[in-house]
C-alpha atoms as a PDB file:
ATOM      1  CA  MET A   1     -39.380  14.566  21.979  1.00  0.00           C
ATOM      2  CA  GLU A   2     -39.540  11.435  19.858  1.00  0.00           C
ATOM      3  CA  GLU A   3     -37.883  11.310  16.469  1.00  0.00           C
ATOM      4  CA  LYS A   4     -40.373  11.728  13.637  1.00  0.00           C
ATOM      5  CA  ILE A   5     -41.154   8.738  11.466  1.00  0.00           C
ATOM      6  CA  ASN A   6     -41.726   7.858   7.850  1.00  0.00           C
ATOM      7  CA  ALA A   7     -45.308   6.593   7.738  1.00  0.00           C
ATOM      8  CA  VAL A   8     -46.591   4.172   5.124  1.00  0.00           C
ATOM      9  CA  TYR A   9     -50.377   3.860   4.897  1.00  0.00           C
ATOM     10  CA  VAL A  10     -51.833   0.933   2.971  1.00  0.00           C
ATOM     11  CA  MET A  11     -55.451   0.101   2.296  1.00  0.00           C
ATOM     12  CA  VAL A  12     -57.354  -2.028  -0.163  1.00  0.00           C
ATOM     13  CA  ARG A  13     -60.987  -1.654  -1.073  1.00  0.00           C
ATOM     14  CA  ARG A  14     -63.192  -4.734  -1.246  1.00  0.00           C
ATOM     15  CA  ASP A  15     -63.870  -4.216  -4.968  1.00  0.00           C
ATOM     16  CA  GLU A  16     -60.116  -4.384  -5.644  1.00  0.00           C
ATOM     17  CA  LEU A  17     -59.818  -7.967  -4.423  1.00  0.00           C
ATOM     18  CA  THR A  18     -59.264 -10.517  -7.160  1.00  0.00           C
ATOM     19  CA  ALA A  19     -60.161 -14.188  -7.399  1.00  0.00           C
ATOM     20  CA  GLU A  20     -56.541 -14.915  -6.502  1.00  0.00           C
ATOM     21  CA  ASP A  21     -57.023 -13.051  -3.211  1.00  0.00           C
ATOM     22  CA  GLY A  22     -60.172 -14.914  -2.249  1.00  0.00           C
ATOM     23  CA  CYS A  23     -61.649 -12.927   0.617  1.00  0.00           C
ATOM     24  CA  SER A  24     -58.266 -12.045   2.098  1.00  0.00           C
ATOM     25  CA  TYR A  25     -56.750  -8.593   2.051  1.00  0.00           C
ATOM     26  CA  GLU A  26     -53.291  -9.848   3.030  1.00  0.00           C
ATOM     27  CA  ARG A  27     -51.752 -10.339  -0.439  1.00  0.00           C
ATOM     28  CA  PRO A  28     -52.836  -6.971  -1.909  1.00  0.00           C
ATOM     29  CA  LEU A  29     -51.878  -5.150   1.303  1.00  0.00           C
ATOM     30  CA  ALA A  30     -48.448  -6.809   1.282  1.00  0.00           C
ATOM     31  CA  LEU A  31     -47.922  -5.881  -2.390  1.00  0.00           C
ATOM     32  CA  GLN A  32     -48.951  -2.293  -1.730  1.00  0.00           C
ATOM     33  CA  GLU A  33     -46.710  -2.126   1.333  1.00  0.00           C
ATOM     34  CA  ARG A  34     -43.702  -3.414  -0.652  1.00  0.00           C
ATOM     35  CA  ALA A  35     -44.362  -0.906  -3.458  1.00  0.00           C
ATOM     36  CA  CYS A  36     -44.589   1.979  -0.975  1.00  0.00           C
ATOM     37  CA  LEU A  37     -41.407   0.941   0.822  1.00  0.00           C
ATOM     38  CA  ASP A  38     -39.521   0.612  -2.475  1.00  0.00           C
ATOM     39  CA  PHE A  39     -40.820   4.033  -3.557  1.00  0.00           C
ATOM     40  CA  LEU A  40     -39.772   5.578  -0.246  1.00  0.00           C
ATOM     41  CA  LYS A  41     -36.267   4.164  -0.566  1.00  0.00           C
ATOM     42  CA  ALA A  42     -35.962   5.314  -4.190  1.00  0.00           C
ATOM     43  CA  THR A  43     -37.286   8.792  -3.376  1.00  0.00           C
ATOM     44  CA  VAL A  44     -35.429   9.696  -0.190  1.00  0.00           C
ATOM     45  CA  GLY A  45     -32.505   7.316  -0.460  1.00  0.00           C
ATOM     46  CA  GLU A  46     -30.217   7.210   2.540  1.00  0.00           C
ATOM     47  CA  GLU A  47     -32.598   9.200   4.691  1.00  0.00           C
ATOM     48  CA  THR A  48     -34.704   6.049   5.014  1.00  0.00           C
ATOM     49  CA  ASN A  49     -32.712   5.239   8.154  1.00  0.00           C
ATOM     50  CA  THR A  50     -35.501   7.236   9.808  1.00  0.00           C
ATOM     51  CA  ARG A  51     -37.851   4.781  11.474  1.00  0.00           C
ATOM     52  CA  ILE A  52     -40.640   3.498   9.243  1.00  0.00           C
ATOM     53  CA  GLN A  53     -44.092   2.698  10.603  1.00  0.00           C
ATOM     54  CA  ILE A  54     -46.645   0.776   8.525  1.00  0.00           C
ATOM     55  CA  TYR A  55     -50.279   1.716   9.106  1.00  0.00           C
ATOM     56  CA  ARG A  56     -53.238  -0.399   8.053  1.00  0.00           C
ATOM     57  CA  ARG A  57     -55.701   1.605  10.149  1.00  0.00           C
ATOM     58  CA  ARG A  58     -56.209   5.231   9.213  1.00  0.00           C
ATOM     59  CA  ALA A  59     -57.262   6.100  12.776  1.00  0.00           C
ATOM     60  CA  ASP A  60     -53.830   5.048  14.068  1.00  0.00           C
ATOM     61  CA  LEU A  61     -52.099   7.152  11.420  1.00  0.00           C
ATOM     62  CA  LEU A  62     -54.216  10.195  12.260  1.00  0.00           C
ATOM     63  CA  LYS A  63     -53.542   9.726  15.962  1.00  0.00           C
ATOM     64  CA  ASP A  64     -49.782   9.750  15.366  1.00  0.00           C
ATOM     65  CA  MET A  65     -50.124  12.802  13.118  1.00  0.00           C
ATOM     66  CA  ASP A  66     -51.964  14.580  15.948  1.00  0.00           C
ATOM     67  CA  ARG A  67     -49.040  13.660  18.214  1.00  0.00           C
ATOM     68  CA  HIS A  68     -46.669  15.301  15.691  1.00  0.00           C
ATOM     69  CA  LEU A  69     -44.804  12.021  15.146  1.00  0.00           C
ATOM     70  CA  VAL A  70     -45.034  11.835  11.345  1.00  0.00           C
ATOM     71  CA  LYS A  71     -42.393  13.438   9.145  1.00  0.00           C
ATOM     72  CA  ARG A  72     -43.390  11.918   5.818  1.00  0.00           C
ATOM     73  CA  LEU A  73     -46.357   9.878   4.580  1.00  0.00           C
ATOM     74  CA  VAL A  74     -46.209   7.423   1.685  1.00  0.00           C
ATOM     75  CA  VAL A  75     -49.427   6.154   0.099  1.00  0.00           C
ATOM     76  CA  GLU A  76     -50.274   4.502  -3.185  1.00  0.00           C
ATOM     77  CA  SER A  77     -52.428   7.509  -4.110  1.00  0.00           C
ATOM     78  CA  ALA A  78     -54.076  10.380  -2.260  1.00  0.00           C
ATOM     79  CA  ASP A  79     -57.519   8.828  -2.797  1.00  0.00           C
ATOM     80  CA  ARG A  80     -56.483   6.128  -0.302  1.00  0.00           C
ATOM     81  CA  LEU A  81     -56.658   8.700   2.497  1.00  0.00           C
ATOM     82  CA  GLY A  82     -60.449   8.881   2.681  1.00  0.00           C
ATOM     83  CA  ALA A  83     -63.773   7.591   1.434  1.00  0.00           C
ATOM     84  CA  THR A  84     -65.107  10.910   0.141  1.00  0.00           C
ATOM     85  CA  PRO A  85     -63.524  13.918  -1.557  1.00  0.00           C
ATOM     86  CA  GLN A  86     -64.286  16.007   1.547  1.00  0.00           C
ATOM     87  CA  GLU A  87     -62.585  13.490   3.829  1.00  0.00           C
ATOM     88  CA  ILE A  88     -59.524  13.376   1.579  1.00  0.00           C
ATOM     89  CA  GLU A  89     -59.427  17.178   1.427  1.00  0.00           C
ATOM     90  CA  GLY A  90     -59.557  17.350   5.236  1.00  0.00           C
ATOM     91  CA  ILE A  91     -56.682  14.912   5.648  1.00  0.00           C
ATOM     92  CA  LEU A  92     -54.614  16.725   3.014  1.00  0.00           C
ATOM     93  CA  PHE A  93     -55.227  19.931   4.979  1.00  0.00           C
ATOM     94  CA  GLU A  94     -54.070  18.235   8.199  1.00  0.00           C
ATOM     95  CA  LEU A  95     -50.923  17.005   6.437  1.00  0.00           C
ATOM     96  CA  LYS A  96     -50.194  20.540   5.287  1.00  0.00           C
ATOM     97  CA  MET A  97     -50.812  22.018   8.740  1.00  0.00           C
ATOM     98  CA  GLU A  98     -48.567  19.403  10.372  1.00  0.00           C
ATOM     99  CA  GLN A  99     -45.933  19.947   7.653  1.00  0.00           C
ATOM    100  CA  VAL A 100     -46.003  16.257   6.744  1.00  0.00           C
ATOM    101  CA  GLU A 101     -44.501  15.544   3.343  1.00  0.00           C
ATOM    102  CA  LEU A 102     -46.862  13.437   1.226  1.00  0.00           C
ATOM    103  CA  LEU A 103     -45.355  11.003  -1.266  1.00  0.00           C
ATOM    104  CA  THR A 104     -47.698   9.156  -3.627  1.00  0.00           C
ATOM    105  CA  LEU A 105     -46.879   6.362  -6.034  1.00  0.00           C
ATOM    106  CA  GLN A 106     -49.629   7.493  -8.408  1.00  0.00           C
ATOM    107  CA  PRO A 107     -50.377  11.148  -9.172  1.00  0.00           C
END
């Protein structure tokens, strides 16, 4: 069985792009990724030697959760997990069922 990973999921909504970003999502995604990685390191410390996987596609994250590969998930906030409250609730339920620890930068 593969060792479980620390997953970092980043996403940016179109309305969050600034003039500085132009039409590119790269800068805000990179900033969010860095913030999540720093938060992970500060929160779990030395245990971060567990492999870290960055996800920019939710479908890929959910697929790895279904494969029981995810130990911990770091996101900017839980509202990043879905487009609707029902979708977010469903993913939070899956995290609980899979015993995936959820770490969020914002409450």
